[in-house]
Amino acid sequence: MVEIKELLPEQKQDLMDFLREWCPDHPELSKGDIFDWIIADNFVALNDGKIVGYLSHLHQNVIRGGETFKVGWGTSIVINMSDNDIRKQAGRGLLTKAEENLPYFGVGIIPTIVEPYKRRGHFVRDDGSMMYARFLQPKRALQFLGMNKALAIPLKIINLVFRMHTPPRPMENISTITSFDKAHDPIWEKYLKEHEMYGERTAEYLNHKLKQPDRDYSCRISKSRVTGEVDGYIIWRFAKHGAKDLSVFKICDLVGSETAKRNLLLTANLYLKESGRKPDSIIAMSSKKDRHIYRYAGMYLAKPYLYMTPPRYDSKMHITFFDSDLDNLW
């Protein structure tokens, strides 16, 4: 009989061993440093005292219609797949425990589990946010995605049509920062409330995200050329898959006025160009409303990104890589 329990401190090493065996594509999970950094409830499925499943329920404040509520993102769900009966008990038990814990949200839902989640009463949507991308090394990116590498040639031609716009020189109204000031929290809220539902952005939240282990983030803040007031920020980093040969330039988070967001993305393009580095792709996540901005910056590839909520919170949600655990794995 499988039991669902909260993870005890003395079980941490057993969990690391379990993750190494059953989640080899994400070796960073089993290093323990991310585990110590996240703010989450951690649940394990035990069979005869041995860990056979794990689910991390990551805390985040979400805002809808002016109401702020704490949700739990279902992240890092890992199951021992060697026994079908144990697999089912562990999976269902962990989900039930998380659903009873906090409003259960999920993102990056793969098609094969859409119907099971719907049967549990969740709403699954694809009309809130999108993944945006540009394949700089199309053959390598297509190989990672399991797609036909013959598409690399037309993608290279399309890249010539949809240029990566960059400013001729750094913009004077955009500067580098290393941390966020809580005095700017109302500014981020002002721009985010155009969305039906979104993850809260405060200095406390953003500065915690910037402290994630093994990350080298770059942050820029924008000021309006008209008023001189702060009107946006962007966070980016270079990333490399821990187990597969793929590198990306990742736009992790972007908030601001439309003008600020466009100029901040162009600044990111300039940074990439001047860095001399050649990642396989540029990727970002943001609302569908921002598609024209990313397209102008050269990220013309776009794909809806599935997410789920309990029925009470069914809304179009703005999601970026700084929500849930989307920037935790690689």
C-alpha atoms as a PDB file:
ATOM      1  CA  MET A   1       0.000   0.000   0.000  1.00  0.00           C
ATOM      2  CA  VAL A   2       1.416   3.365  -1.069  1.00  0.00           C
ATOM      3  CA  GLU A   3       1.348   6.178   1.509  1.00  0.00           C
ATOM      4  CA  ILE A   4       1.642   9.900   0.774  1.00  0.00           C
ATOM      5  CA  LYS A   5       3.683  11.905   3.275  1.00  0.00           C
ATOM      6  CA  GLU A   6       5.428  15.232   3.555  1.00  0.00           C
ATOM      7  CA  LEU A   7       9.132  14.859   2.931  1.00  0.00           C
ATOM      8  CA  LEU A   8      11.208  14.724   6.115  1.00  0.00           C
ATOM      9  CA  PRO A   9      14.680  16.310   6.271  1.00  0.00           C
ATOM     10  CA  GLU A  10      16.305  12.928   6.876  1.00  0.00           C
ATOM     11  CA  GLN A  11      14.767  11.624   3.633  1.00  0.00           C
ATOM     12  CA  LYS A  12      16.494  14.192   1.436  1.00  0.00           C
ATOM     13  CA  GLN A  13      19.397  11.951   0.358  1.00  0.00           C
ATOM     14  CA  ASP A  14      17.034   9.105  -0.447  1.00  0.00           C
ATOM     15  CA  LEU A  15      15.048  11.558  -2.585  1.00  0.00           C
ATOM     16  CA  MET A  16      18.180  12.718  -4.409  1.00  0.00           C
ATOM     17  CA  ASP A  17      19.026   9.079  -5.206  1.00  0.00           C
ATOM     18  CA  PHE A  18      15.471   8.484  -6.404  1.00  0.00           C
ATOM     19  CA  LEU A  19      15.528  11.552  -8.697  1.00  0.00           C
ATOM     20  CA  ARG A  20      18.882  10.523 -10.158  1.00  0.00           C
ATOM     21  CA  GLU A  21      17.420   7.173 -11.152  1.00  0.00           C
ATOM     22  CA  TRP A  22      13.975   8.215 -12.358  1.00  0.00           C
ATOM     23  CA  CYS A  23      14.570  11.695 -13.789  1.00  0.00           C
ATOM     24  CA  PRO A  24      17.905  11.418 -15.652  1.00  0.00           C
ATOM     25  CA  ASP A  25      16.989  14.120 -18.187  1.00  0.00           C
ATOM     26  CA  HIS A  26      17.134  16.732 -15.422  1.00  0.00           C
ATOM     27  CA  PRO A  27      20.233  15.958 -13.328  1.00  0.00           C
ATOM     28  CA  GLU A  28      20.014  19.381 -11.652  1.00  0.00           C
ATOM     29  CA  LEU A  29      17.026  18.154  -9.625  1.00  0.00           C
ATOM     30  CA  SER A  30      19.140  15.603  -7.788  1.00  0.00           C
ATOM     31  CA  LYS A  31      21.924  18.009  -6.835  1.00  0.00           C
ATOM     32  CA  GLY A  32      19.914  19.325  -3.903  1.00  0.00           C
ATOM     33  CA  ASP A  33      20.758  23.021  -4.227  1.00  0.00           C
ATOM     34  CA  ILE A  34      17.581  23.873  -6.147  1.00  0.00           C
ATOM     35  CA  PHE A  35      15.648  21.719  -3.693  1.00  0.00           C
ATOM     36  CA  ASP A  36      16.973  23.813  -0.791  1.00  0.00           C
ATOM     37  CA  TRP A  37      16.199  27.089  -2.592  1.00  0.00           C
ATOM     38  CA  ILE A  38      12.582  26.578  -3.684  1.00  0.00           C
ATOM     39  CA  ILE A  39       9.639  27.637  -1.519  1.00  0.00           C
ATOM     40  CA  ALA A  40       7.352  24.635  -1.770  1.00  0.00           C
ATOM     41  CA  ASP A  41       5.609  21.782  -0.039  1.00  0.00           C
ATOM     42  CA  ASN A  42       7.334  18.535  -0.927  1.00  0.00           C
ATOM     43  CA  PHE A  43       5.377  15.281  -0.930  1.00  0.00           C
ATOM     44  CA  VAL A  44       6.662  11.741  -1.364  1.00  0.00           C
ATOM     45  CA  ALA A  45       4.917   8.469  -2.111  1.00  0.00           C
ATOM     46  CA  LEU A  46       6.254   5.637   0.055  1.00  0.00           C
ATOM     47  CA  ASN A  47       5.930   1.912  -0.520  1.00  0.00           C
ATOM     48  CA  ASP A  48       7.276  -0.137   2.422  1.00  0.00           C
ATOM     49  CA  GLY A  49       9.180   2.969   3.493  1.00  0.00           C
ATOM     50  CA  LYS A  50      10.873   3.405   0.096  1.00  0.00           C
ATOM     51  CA  ILE A  51      10.316   6.496  -2.040  1.00  0.00           C
ATOM     52  CA  VAL A  52       8.396   5.607  -5.213  1.00  0.00           C
ATOM     53  CA  GLY A  53       7.096   9.060  -6.136  1.00  0.00           C
ATOM     54  CA  TYR A  54       7.710  12.764  -5.582  1.00  0.00           C
ATOM     55  CA  LEU A  55       5.770  15.963  -6.186  1.00  0.00           C
ATOM     56  CA  SER A  56       6.878  19.484  -5.349  1.00  0.00           C
ATOM     57  CA  HIS A  57       4.020  21.972  -4.824  1.00  0.00           C
ATOM     58  CA  LEU A  58       5.685  25.315  -5.477  1.00  0.00           C
ATOM     59  CA  HIS A  59       4.158  28.401  -3.844  1.00  0.00           C
ATOM     60  CA  GLN A  60       3.334  31.554  -5.796  1.00  0.00           C
ATOM     61  CA  ASN A  61       0.930  34.445  -5.331  1.00  0.00           C
ATOM     62  CA  VAL A  62      -1.399  34.843  -8.306  1.00  0.00           C
ATOM     63  CA  ILE A  63      -3.632  37.845  -8.996  1.00  0.00           C
ATOM     64  CA  ARG A  64      -6.998  37.923 -10.749  1.00  0.00           C
ATOM     65  CA  GLY A  65      -9.400  40.852 -10.775  1.00  0.00           C
ATOM     66  CA  GLY A  66      -7.502  42.556  -7.953  1.00  0.00           C
ATOM     67  CA  GLU A  67      -7.690  39.468  -5.708  1.00  0.00           C
ATOM     68  CA  THR A  68      -4.395  37.898  -4.613  1.00  0.00           C
ATOM     69  CA  PHE A  69      -4.333  34.221  -3.658  1.00  0.00           C
ATOM     70  CA  LYS A  70      -1.629  31.636  -3.038  1.00  0.00           C
ATOM     71  CA  VAL A  71      -1.480  28.684  -5.419  1.00  0.00           C
ATOM     72  CA  GLY A  72       0.622  25.563  -5.600  1.00  0.00           C
ATOM     73  CA  TRP A  73       2.219  24.780  -8.941  1.00  0.00           C
ATOM     74  CA  GLY A  74       2.500  21.031  -9.415  1.00  0.00           C
ATOM     75  CA  THR A  75       6.165  20.680 -10.375  1.00  0.00           C
ATOM     76  CA  SER A  76       8.795  17.977 -10.589  1.00  0.00           C
ATOM     77  CA  ILE A  77       6.342  15.066 -10.568  1.00  0.00           C
ATOM     78  CA  VAL A  78       8.545  11.963 -10.689  1.00  0.00           C
ATOM     79  CA  ILE A  79       7.233   8.407 -10.368  1.00  0.00           C
ATOM     80  CA  ASN A  80       8.867   4.959 -10.140  1.00  0.00           C
ATOM     81  CA  MET A  81       7.533   3.344 -13.316  1.00  0.00           C
ATOM     82  CA  SER A  82       8.676  -0.225 -12.654  1.00  0.00           C
ATOM     83  CA  ASP A  83       5.370  -1.461 -11.193  1.00  0.00           C
ATOM     84  CA  ASN A  84       2.092  -0.426 -12.799  1.00  0.00           C
ATOM     85  CA  ASP A  85      -0.016  -0.701  -9.643  1.00  0.00           C
ATOM     86  CA  ILE A  86       2.461   1.261  -7.537  1.00  0.00           C
ATOM     87  CA  ARG A  87       2.797   3.834 -10.331  1.00  0.00           C
ATOM     88  CA  LYS A  88      -0.951   4.466 -10.349  1.00  0.00           C
ATOM     89  CA  GLN A  89      -1.243   4.632  -6.557  1.00  0.00           C
ATOM     90  CA  ALA A  90       1.711   7.000  -6.270  1.00  0.00           C
ATOM     91  CA  GLY A  91       0.559   9.304  -9.072  1.00  0.00           C
ATOM     92  CA  ARG A  92      -3.039   9.550  -7.936  1.00  0.00           C
ATOM     93  CA  GLY A  93      -2.082   9.869  -4.285  1.00  0.00           C
ATOM     94  CA  LEU A  94       0.396  12.669  -4.891  1.00  0.00           C
ATOM     95  CA  LEU A  95      -2.070  14.622  -7.033  1.00  0.00           C
ATOM     96  CA  THR A  96      -4.832  14.225  -4.439  1.00  0.00           C
ATOM     97  CA  LYS A  97      -2.523  15.415  -1.670  1.00  0.00           C
ATOM     98  CA  ALA A  98      -1.493  18.472  -3.690  1.00  0.00           C
ATOM     99  CA  GLU A  99      -5.081  19.296  -4.651  1.00  0.00           C
ATOM    100  CA  GLU A 100      -6.049  19.263  -0.975  1.00  0.00           C
ATOM    101  CA  ASN A 101      -3.060  21.436  -0.081  1.00  0.00           C
ATOM    102  CA  LEU A 102      -3.510  24.577  -2.220  1.00  0.00           C
ATOM    103  CA  PRO A 103      -5.316  25.494  -5.467  1.00  0.00           C
ATOM    104  CA  TYR A 104      -3.509  23.185  -7.875  1.00  0.00           C
ATOM    105  CA  PHE A 105      -2.033  24.887 -10.944  1.00  0.00           C
ATOM    106  CA  GLY A 106       0.103  23.320 -13.640  1.00  0.00           C
ATOM    107  CA  VAL A 107       1.937  24.478 -16.764  1.00  0.00           C
ATOM    108  CA  GLY A 108       3.712  22.663 -19.562  1.00  0.00           C
ATOM    109  CA  ILE A 109       0.969  20.048 -19.666  1.00  0.00           C
ATOM    110  CA  ILE A 110       1.758  17.334 -22.216  1.00  0.00           C
ATOM    111  CA  PRO A 111      -1.166  16.172 -24.409  1.00  0.00           C
ATOM    112  CA  THR A 112      -1.225  12.628 -22.973  1.00  0.00           C
ATOM    113  CA  ILE A 113      -2.249  13.860 -19.516  1.00  0.00           C
ATOM    114  CA  VAL A 114      -4.817  16.460 -20.570  1.00  0.00           C
ATOM    115  CA  GLU A 115      -7.773  14.084 -20.312  1.00  0.00           C
ATOM    116  CA  PRO A 116      -6.714  12.619 -16.927  1.00  0.00           C
ATOM    117  CA  TYR A 117      -6.484  16.144 -15.513  1.00  0.00           C
ATOM    118  CA  LYS A 118      -9.876  17.044 -16.977  1.00  0.00           C
ATOM    119  CA  ARG A 119     -11.384  13.940 -15.357  1.00  0.00           C
ATOM    120  CA  ARG A 120     -10.071  15.230 -12.035  1.00  0.00           C
ATOM    121  CA  GLY A 121     -12.038  18.449 -12.581  1.00  0.00           C
ATOM    122  CA  HIS A 122      -9.248  20.727 -13.795  1.00  0.00           C
ATOM    123  CA  PHE A 123      -9.587  23.198 -16.634  1.00  0.00           C
ATOM    124  CA  VAL A 124      -6.865  22.977 -19.305  1.00  0.00           C
ATOM    125  CA  ARG A 125      -6.340  25.985 -21.575  1.00  0.00           C
ATOM    126  CA  ASP A 126      -4.041  27.038 -24.405  1.00  0.00           C
ATOM    127  CA  ASP A 127      -5.303  30.579 -25.010  1.00  0.00           C
ATOM    128  CA  GLY A 128      -3.344  32.489 -22.381  1.00  0.00           C
ATOM    129  CA  SER A 129       0.370  32.299 -23.117  1.00  0.00           C
ATOM    130  CA  MET A 130       2.716  31.138 -25.840  1.00  0.00           C
ATOM    131  CA  MET A 131       6.252  29.919 -26.287  1.00  0.00           C
ATOM    132  CA  TYR A 132       8.165  32.216 -28.652  1.00  0.00           C
ATOM    133  CA  ALA A 133      11.378  31.177 -30.375  1.00  0.00           C
ATOM    134  CA  ARG A 134      13.920  31.745 -33.080  1.00  0.00           C
ATOM    135  CA  PHE A 135      16.144  28.873 -34.171  1.00  0.00           C
ATOM    136  CA  LEU A 136      19.630  30.296 -34.658  1.00  0.00           C
ATOM    137  CA  GLN A 137      21.036  26.829 -35.377  1.00  0.00           C
ATOM    138  CA  PRO A 138      17.907  25.264 -36.940  1.00  0.00           C
ATOM    139  CA  LYS A 139      19.278  21.747 -37.505  1.00  0.00           C
ATOM    140  CA  ARG A 140      20.326  21.336 -33.870  1.00  0.00           C
ATOM    141  CA  ALA A 141      17.087  22.786 -32.506  1.00  0.00           C
ATOM    142  CA  LEU A 142      14.980  20.550 -34.752  1.00  0.00           C
ATOM    143  CA  GLN A 143      16.963  17.505 -33.671  1.00  0.00           C
ATOM    144  CA  PHE A 144      16.292  18.321 -30.016  1.00  0.00           C
ATOM    145  CA  LEU A 145      12.568  18.622 -30.761  1.00  0.00           C
ATOM    146  CA  GLY A 146      12.522  15.352 -32.683  1.00  0.00           C
ATOM    147  CA  MET A 147      11.475  17.122 -35.883  1.00  0.00           C
ATOM    148  CA  ASN A 148      12.618  16.603 -39.478  1.00  0.00           C
ATOM    149  CA  LYS A 149      16.041  18.211 -39.892  1.00  0.00           C
ATOM    150  CA  ALA A 150      15.189  18.948 -43.549  1.00  0.00           C
ATOM    151  CA  LEU A 151      13.162  21.891 -42.199  1.00  0.00           C
ATOM    152  CA  ALA A 152      16.444  23.590 -41.301  1.00  0.00           C
ATOM    153  CA  ILE A 153      16.899  24.972 -44.836  1.00  0.00           C
ATOM    154  CA  PRO A 154      13.530  26.800 -45.074  1.00  0.00           C
ATOM    155  CA  LEU A 155      13.992  28.049 -41.501  1.00  0.00           C
ATOM    156  CA  LYS A 156      17.332  29.582 -42.440  1.00  0.00           C
ATOM    157  CA  ILE A 157      15.629  31.365 -45.347  1.00  0.00           C
ATOM    158  CA  ILE A 158      12.813  32.596 -43.088  1.00  0.00           C
ATOM    159  CA  ASN A 159      15.433  33.876 -40.634  1.00  0.00           C
ATOM    160  CA  LEU A 160      16.679  36.165 -43.406  1.00  0.00           C
ATOM    161  CA  VAL A 161      13.170  37.575 -43.864  1.00  0.00           C
ATOM    162  CA  PHE A 162      12.300  38.020 -40.187  1.00  0.00           C
ATOM    163  CA  ARG A 163      15.364  39.845 -38.941  1.00  0.00           C
ATOM    164  CA  MET A 164      16.533  40.150 -35.348  1.00  0.00           C
ATOM    165  CA  HIS A 165      16.241  43.894 -34.913  1.00  0.00           C
ATOM    166  CA  THR A 166      18.867  45.518 -32.736  1.00  0.00           C
ATOM    167  CA  PRO A 167      19.488  49.161 -31.816  1.00  0.00           C
ATOM    168  CA  PRO A 168      22.617  50.710 -33.397  1.00  0.00           C
ATOM    169  CA  ARG A 169      23.971  51.380 -29.918  1.00  0.00           C
ATOM    170  CA  PRO A 170      22.907  50.794 -26.276  1.00  0.00           C
ATOM    171  CA  MET A 171      19.844  52.838 -25.350  1.00  0.00           C
ATOM    172  CA  GLU A 172      20.571  55.532 -22.776  1.00  0.00           C
ATOM    173  CA  ASN A 173      17.241  55.011 -20.998  1.00  0.00           C
ATOM    174  CA  ILE A 174      17.990  51.330 -20.284  1.00  0.00           C
ATOM    175  CA  SER A 175      20.390  50.404 -17.499  1.00  0.00           C
ATOM    176  CA  THR A 176      21.710  47.310 -15.740  1.00  0.00           C
ATOM    177  CA  ILE A 177      20.443  46.341 -12.297  1.00  0.00           C
ATOM    178  CA  THR A 178      21.399  43.487  -9.980  1.00  0.00           C
ATOM    179  CA  SER A 179      18.342  43.533  -7.713  1.00  0.00           C
ATOM    180  CA  PHE A 180      14.824  44.926  -7.623  1.00  0.00           C
ATOM    181  CA  ASP A 181      13.521  47.809  -5.501  1.00  0.00           C
ATOM    182  CA  LYS A 182      10.195  47.337  -3.712  1.00  0.00           C
ATOM    183  CA  ALA A 183       9.374  50.976  -4.540  1.00  0.00           C
ATOM    184  CA  HIS A 184       8.773  49.768  -8.104  1.00  0.00           C
ATOM    185  CA  ASP A 185       6.286  47.039  -7.139  1.00  0.00           C
ATOM    186  CA  PRO A 186       3.237  49.219  -8.003  1.00  0.00           C
ATOM    187  CA  ILE A 187       4.715  49.879 -11.455  1.00  0.00           C
ATOM    188  CA  TRP A 188       4.932  46.177 -12.301  1.00  0.00           C
ATOM    189  CA  GLU A 189       1.377  45.691 -11.007  1.00  0.00           C
ATOM    190  CA  LYS A 190       0.144  48.560 -13.197  1.00  0.00           C
ATOM    191  CA  TYR A 191       1.409  46.887 -16.360  1.00  0.00           C
ATOM    192  CA  LEU A 192       0.506  43.320 -15.400  1.00  0.00           C
ATOM    193  CA  LYS A 193      -3.123  44.035 -14.548  1.00  0.00           C
ATOM    194  CA  GLU A 194      -3.936  44.243 -18.274  1.00  0.00           C
ATOM    195  CA  HIS A 195      -4.013  40.417 -18.071  1.00  0.00           C
ATOM    196  CA  GLU A 196      -6.946  38.440 -16.658  1.00  0.00           C
ATOM    197  CA  MET A 197      -4.672  36.457 -14.337  1.00  0.00           C
ATOM    198  CA  TYR A 198      -0.929  36.581 -13.672  1.00  0.00           C
ATOM    199  CA  GLY A 199       1.774  35.745 -11.198  1.00  0.00           C
ATOM    200  CA  GLU A 200       2.636  38.500  -8.741  1.00  0.00           C
ATOM    201  CA  ARG A 201       5.847  40.430  -9.388  1.00  0.00           C
ATOM    202  CA  THR A 202       7.373  42.085  -6.340  1.00  0.00           C
ATOM    203  CA  ALA A 203      10.945  42.863  -5.355  1.00  0.00           C
ATOM    204  CA  GLU A 204      10.751  40.063  -2.795  1.00  0.00           C
ATOM    205  CA  TYR A 205       9.655  37.528  -5.405  1.00  0.00           C
ATOM    206  CA  LEU A 206      12.031  38.671  -8.153  1.00  0.00           C
ATOM    207  CA  ASN A 207      15.079  38.890  -5.893  1.00  0.00           C
ATOM    208  CA  HIS A 208      14.386  35.372  -4.642  1.00  0.00           C
ATOM    209  CA  LYS A 209      14.220  34.119  -8.235  1.00  0.00           C
ATOM    210  CA  LEU A 210      17.535  35.825  -9.023  1.00  0.00           C
ATOM    211  CA  LYS A 211      19.196  33.842  -6.204  1.00  0.00           C
ATOM    212  CA  GLN A 212      18.452  30.509  -7.828  1.00  0.00           C
ATOM    213  CA  PRO A 213      21.572  28.304  -7.679  1.00  0.00           C
ATOM    214  CA  ASP A 214      23.719  27.858 -10.786  1.00  0.00           C
ATOM    215  CA  ARG A 215      22.133  30.760 -12.635  1.00  0.00           C
ATOM    216  CA  ASP A 216      23.764  33.852 -14.127  1.00  0.00           C
ATOM    217  CA  TYR A 217      20.952  36.300 -14.779  1.00  0.00           C
ATOM    218  CA  SER A 218      21.229  39.665 -16.504  1.00  0.00           C
ATOM    219  CA  CYS A 219      18.641  42.328 -15.665  1.00  0.00           C
ATOM    220  CA  ARG A 220      17.859  45.614 -17.374  1.00  0.00           C
ATOM    221  CA  ILE A 221      15.437  48.323 -16.322  1.00  0.00           C
ATOM    222  CA  SER A 222      13.870  50.912 -18.610  1.00  0.00           C
ATOM    223  CA  LYS A 223      12.825  54.513 -18.045  1.00  0.00           C
ATOM    224  CA  SER A 224      10.372  56.368 -20.250  1.00  0.00           C
ATOM    225  CA  ARG A 225      12.029  58.867 -22.581  1.00  0.00           C
ATOM    226  CA  VAL A 226       8.989  61.111 -22.099  1.00  0.00           C
ATOM    227  CA  THR A 227       8.476  61.121 -18.316  1.00  0.00           C
ATOM    228  CA  GLY A 228      11.767  59.695 -17.039  1.00  0.00           C
ATOM    229  CA  GLU A 229       9.811  57.215 -14.892  1.00  0.00           C
ATOM    230  CA  VAL A 230      10.605  53.501 -14.681  1.00  0.00           C
ATOM    231  CA  ASP A 231       8.426  51.680 -17.207  1.00  0.00           C
ATOM    232  CA  GLY A 232       9.751  48.125 -17.591  1.00  0.00           C
ATOM    233  CA  TYR A 233      12.317  45.428 -16.922  1.00  0.00           C
ATOM    234  CA  ILE A 234      13.731  42.334 -18.605  1.00  0.00           C
ATOM    235  CA  ILE A 235      15.649  39.332 -17.271  1.00  0.00           C
ATOM    236  CA  TRP A 236      17.636  36.970 -19.493  1.00  0.00           C
ATOM    237  CA  ARG A 237      20.300  34.298 -19.273  1.00  0.00           C
ATOM    238  CA  PHE A 238      22.168  31.699 -21.297  1.00  0.00           C
ATOM    239  CA  ALA A 239      21.102  28.129 -20.571  1.00  0.00           C
ATOM    240  CA  LYS A 240      22.324  24.671 -21.548  1.00  0.00           C
ATOM    241  CA  HIS A 241      20.373  21.452 -21.148  1.00  0.00           C
ATOM    242  CA  GLY A 242      21.939  19.331 -18.420  1.00  0.00           C
ATOM    243  CA  ALA A 243      21.602  16.020 -20.269  1.00  0.00           C
ATOM    244  CA  LYS A 244      21.078  16.936 -23.937  1.00  0.00           C
ATOM    245  CA  ASP A 245      23.206  18.973 -26.296  1.00  0.00           C
ATOM    246  CA  LEU A 246      21.158  22.154 -26.638  1.00  0.00           C
ATOM    247  CA  SER A 247      21.948  25.746 -25.665  1.00  0.00           C
ATOM    248  CA  VAL A 248      19.515  28.649 -25.591  1.00  0.00           C
ATOM    249  CA  PHE A 249      19.354  32.354 -24.896  1.00  0.00           C
ATOM    250  CA  LYS A 250      16.333  32.580 -22.621  1.00  0.00           C
ATOM    251  CA  ILE A 251      14.159  35.644 -22.052  1.00  0.00           C
ATOM    252  CA  CYS A 252      13.062  34.749 -18.525  1.00  0.00           C
ATOM    253  CA  ASP A 253      10.743  37.631 -17.684  1.00  0.00           C
ATOM    254  CA  LEU A 254       9.543  40.843 -19.311  1.00  0.00           C
ATOM    255  CA  VAL A 255       7.163  43.422 -17.822  1.00  0.00           C
ATOM    256  CA  GLY A 256       6.410  46.977 -18.859  1.00  0.00           C
ATOM    257  CA  SER A 257       4.758  49.313 -21.296  1.00  0.00           C
ATOM    258  CA  GLU A 258       4.596  48.205 -24.909  1.00  0.00           C
ATOM    259  CA  THR A 259       7.376  50.595 -25.883  1.00  0.00           C
ATOM    260  CA  ALA A 260       9.544  49.463 -22.992  1.00  0.00           C
ATOM    261  CA  LYS A 261       9.034  45.773 -23.775  1.00  0.00           C
ATOM    262  CA  ARG A 262       9.968  46.288 -27.424  1.00  0.00           C
ATOM    263  CA  ASN A 263      13.108  48.263 -26.567  1.00  0.00           C
ATOM    264  CA  LEU A 264      14.133  45.823 -23.838  1.00  0.00           C
ATOM    265  CA  LEU A 265      13.866  42.900 -26.268  1.00  0.00           C
ATOM    266  CA  LEU A 266      15.986  44.777 -28.796  1.00  0.00           C
ATOM    267  CA  THR A 267      18.507  45.404 -26.017  1.00  0.00           C
ATOM    268  CA  ALA A 268      18.586  41.659 -25.330  1.00  0.00           C
ATOM    269  CA  ASN A 269      19.256  41.054 -29.049  1.00  0.00           C
ATOM    270  CA  LEU A 270      22.130  43.532 -28.959  1.00  0.00           C
ATOM    271  CA  TYR A 271      23.559  41.857 -25.856  1.00  0.00           C
ATOM    272  CA  LEU A 272      23.452  38.477 -27.581  1.00  0.00           C
ATOM    273  CA  LYS A 273      25.092  39.874 -30.711  1.00  0.00           C
ATOM    274  CA  GLU A 274      27.901  41.567 -28.778  1.00  0.00           C
ATOM    275  CA  SER A 275      28.461  38.523 -26.546  1.00  0.00           C
ATOM    276  CA  GLY A 276      29.831  36.536 -29.487  1.00  0.00           C
ATOM    277  CA  ARG A 277      28.037  33.435 -28.224  1.00  0.00           C
ATOM    278  CA  LYS A 278      26.047  31.264 -30.617  1.00  0.00           C
ATOM    279  CA  PRO A 279      23.216  29.455 -28.830  1.00  0.00           C
ATOM    280  CA  ASP A 280      21.002  27.096 -30.793  1.00  0.00           C
ATOM    281  CA  SER A 281      17.829  29.087 -30.072  1.00  0.00           C
ATOM    282  CA  ILE A 282      16.305  32.134 -28.444  1.00  0.00           C
ATOM    283  CA  ILE A 283      13.198  31.312 -26.422  1.00  0.00           C
ATOM    284  CA  ALA A 284      10.640  33.200 -24.357  1.00  0.00           C
ATOM    285  CA  MET A 285       7.205  32.776 -22.834  1.00  0.00           C
ATOM    286  CA  SER A 286       4.588  35.482 -22.594  1.00  0.00           C
ATOM    287  CA  SER A 287       0.982  36.398 -23.213  1.00  0.00           C
ATOM    288  CA  LYS A 288      -0.535  36.000 -26.673  1.00  0.00           C
ATOM    289  CA  LYS A 289      -1.039  39.768 -26.555  1.00  0.00           C
ATOM    290  CA  ASP A 290       2.732  40.199 -26.911  1.00  0.00           C
ATOM    291  CA  ARG A 291       3.119  38.152 -30.087  1.00  0.00           C
ATOM    292  CA  HIS A 292       3.720  41.185 -32.315  1.00  0.00           C
ATOM    293  CA  ILE A 293       6.465  42.444 -29.997  1.00  0.00           C
ATOM    294  CA  TYR A 294       8.363  39.156 -30.047  1.00  0.00           C
ATOM    295  CA  ARG A 295       7.846  38.841 -33.791  1.00  0.00           C
ATOM    296  CA  TYR A 296       9.423  42.278 -34.292  1.00  0.00           C
ATOM    297  CA  ALA A 297      12.384  41.163 -32.171  1.00  0.00           C
ATOM    298  CA  GLY A 298      12.850  38.157 -34.488  1.00  0.00           C
ATOM    299  CA  MET A 299      11.084  35.430 -32.490  1.00  0.00           C
ATOM    300  CA  TYR A 300       8.555  34.599 -35.189  1.00  0.00           C
ATOM    301  CA  LEU A 301       7.987  30.972 -34.128  1.00  0.00           C
ATOM    302  CA  ALA A 302       5.097  30.727 -31.672  1.00  0.00           C
ATOM    303  CA  LYS A 303       3.275  27.838 -30.030  1.00  0.00           C
ATOM    304  CA  PRO A 304       0.446  27.865 -27.452  1.00  0.00           C
ATOM    305  CA  TYR A 305       1.541  26.583 -24.042  1.00  0.00           C
ATOM    306  CA  LEU A 306      -0.917  24.457 -22.090  1.00  0.00           C
ATOM    307  CA  TYR A 307      -1.678  25.237 -18.469  1.00  0.00           C
ATOM    308  CA  MET A 308      -4.340  24.090 -16.027  1.00  0.00           C
ATOM    309  CA  THR A 309      -6.239  25.494 -13.082  1.00  0.00           C
ATOM    310  CA  PRO A 310      -9.062  24.433 -10.760  1.00  0.00           C
ATOM    311  CA  PRO A 311     -12.510  25.455 -12.113  1.00  0.00           C
ATOM    312  CA  ARG A 312     -12.749  28.417  -9.751  1.00  0.00           C
ATOM    313  CA  TYR A 313      -9.647  30.003 -11.305  1.00  0.00           C
ATOM    314  CA  ASP A 314     -10.395  29.302 -14.974  1.00  0.00           C
ATOM    315  CA  SER A 315      -9.020  32.414 -16.732  1.00  0.00           C
ATOM    316  CA  LYS A 316      -6.578  33.449 -19.415  1.00  0.00           C
ATOM    317  CA  MET A 317      -3.240  33.509 -17.636  1.00  0.00           C
ATOM    318  CA  HIS A 318      -0.080  35.411 -18.481  1.00  0.00           C
ATOM    319  CA  ILE A 319       2.861  33.053 -17.868  1.00  0.00           C
ATOM    320  CA  THR A 320       6.605  33.552 -18.314  1.00  0.00           C
ATOM    321  CA  PHE A 321       9.665  31.485 -17.417  1.00  0.00           C
ATOM    322  CA  PHE A 322       9.652  33.173 -13.994  1.00  0.00           C
ATOM    323  CA  ASP A 323       6.349  31.498 -13.082  1.00  0.00           C
ATOM    324  CA  SER A 324       6.067  27.998 -11.626  1.00  0.00           C
ATOM    325  CA  ASP A 325       9.344  26.066 -12.059  1.00  0.00           C
ATOM    326  CA  LEU A 326       9.764  26.944 -15.732  1.00  0.00           C
ATOM    327  CA  ASP A 327      13.280  28.317 -15.195  1.00  0.00           C
ATOM    328  CA  ASN A 328      14.327  25.764 -12.579  1.00  0.00           C
ATOM    329  CA  LEU A 329      15.314  22.763 -14.646  1.00  0.00           C
ATOM    330  CA  TRP A 330      17.866  24.046 -17.185  1.00  0.00           C
END
